Amino acid sequence: MSIMEIKQVGYSYDNKKKVLKGINAEMERGKLYAILGPSGCGKTTLLSLMGGLDRPGSGQILFDGQDIARTGLFDHRKNHVAFVFQSYNLIDYLTPAENVALTSRLPPMPVLERLGLTKEEAKRNVMKLSGGQQQRVAIARALASEAPVILADEPTGNLDEDTAREIIGILQESAHRMNRCVVVVTHSGELARQADVVLRLKKGVLVRESYS
């Protein structure tokens, strides 16, 4: 059974440019989904709608069969989804450990160390870290949460090839071992090859495709 369902979702920028045109998709726990498409096609917009950061112009976003607009977007964001933003969206006056602690009752160091940060780096202000390190903190924050759905916008975009490969493995494990639904917007062919389901967004339409 799908944990998230997108039903006939349409969206327009400023009520003029239609970027999403009747999108339909179902997403299950235990799978890693990759959404591909050219820049500006609406991938990040779709992710935002799935996460309850915005409302679709038409159609519905369902979580466990319930319309998130009716059950409450705040409740959906708080309890159902964890984000990895392309711009990180870390609390800039906190340390990596403190940022992760905001989303989890578990100690933050195990997940931070797993993502390559040392105890010393975990105690620094996040603004004193490199972009790649900040990206790792953003991913750690999502992984440490108890949310059943992880929504990630270009999670490997600022990482070197080896680290990106490790992150892909961690996202796969989050889906396959932790039984989460992991949805990733990406330009990475490597990530798409490792995904269980590949979806392509083009000209406002989302289609499932094979990727090799």
Foldseek 3Di string as FASTA:
>chain_A
DFQKWWAQFWAADVVPRTLAGGETDGFFFLFEEEEEEDPPSCPVVVLCCLLLVDPTPDTAMDGPRHGCVVVDSVCSNLAAEAEQDPVLPFPQAAFLQVRLVVAAPDRLPVQLVLLPDDPVRRHDGLVPDDPLSSLSSSLSSRLRHPHQEYEYEASCVPPDPVSSVSVLVVLSCCRNVVRGTYYYYHPDLVSLQSGPWYWYRDRNYIDTDDHD
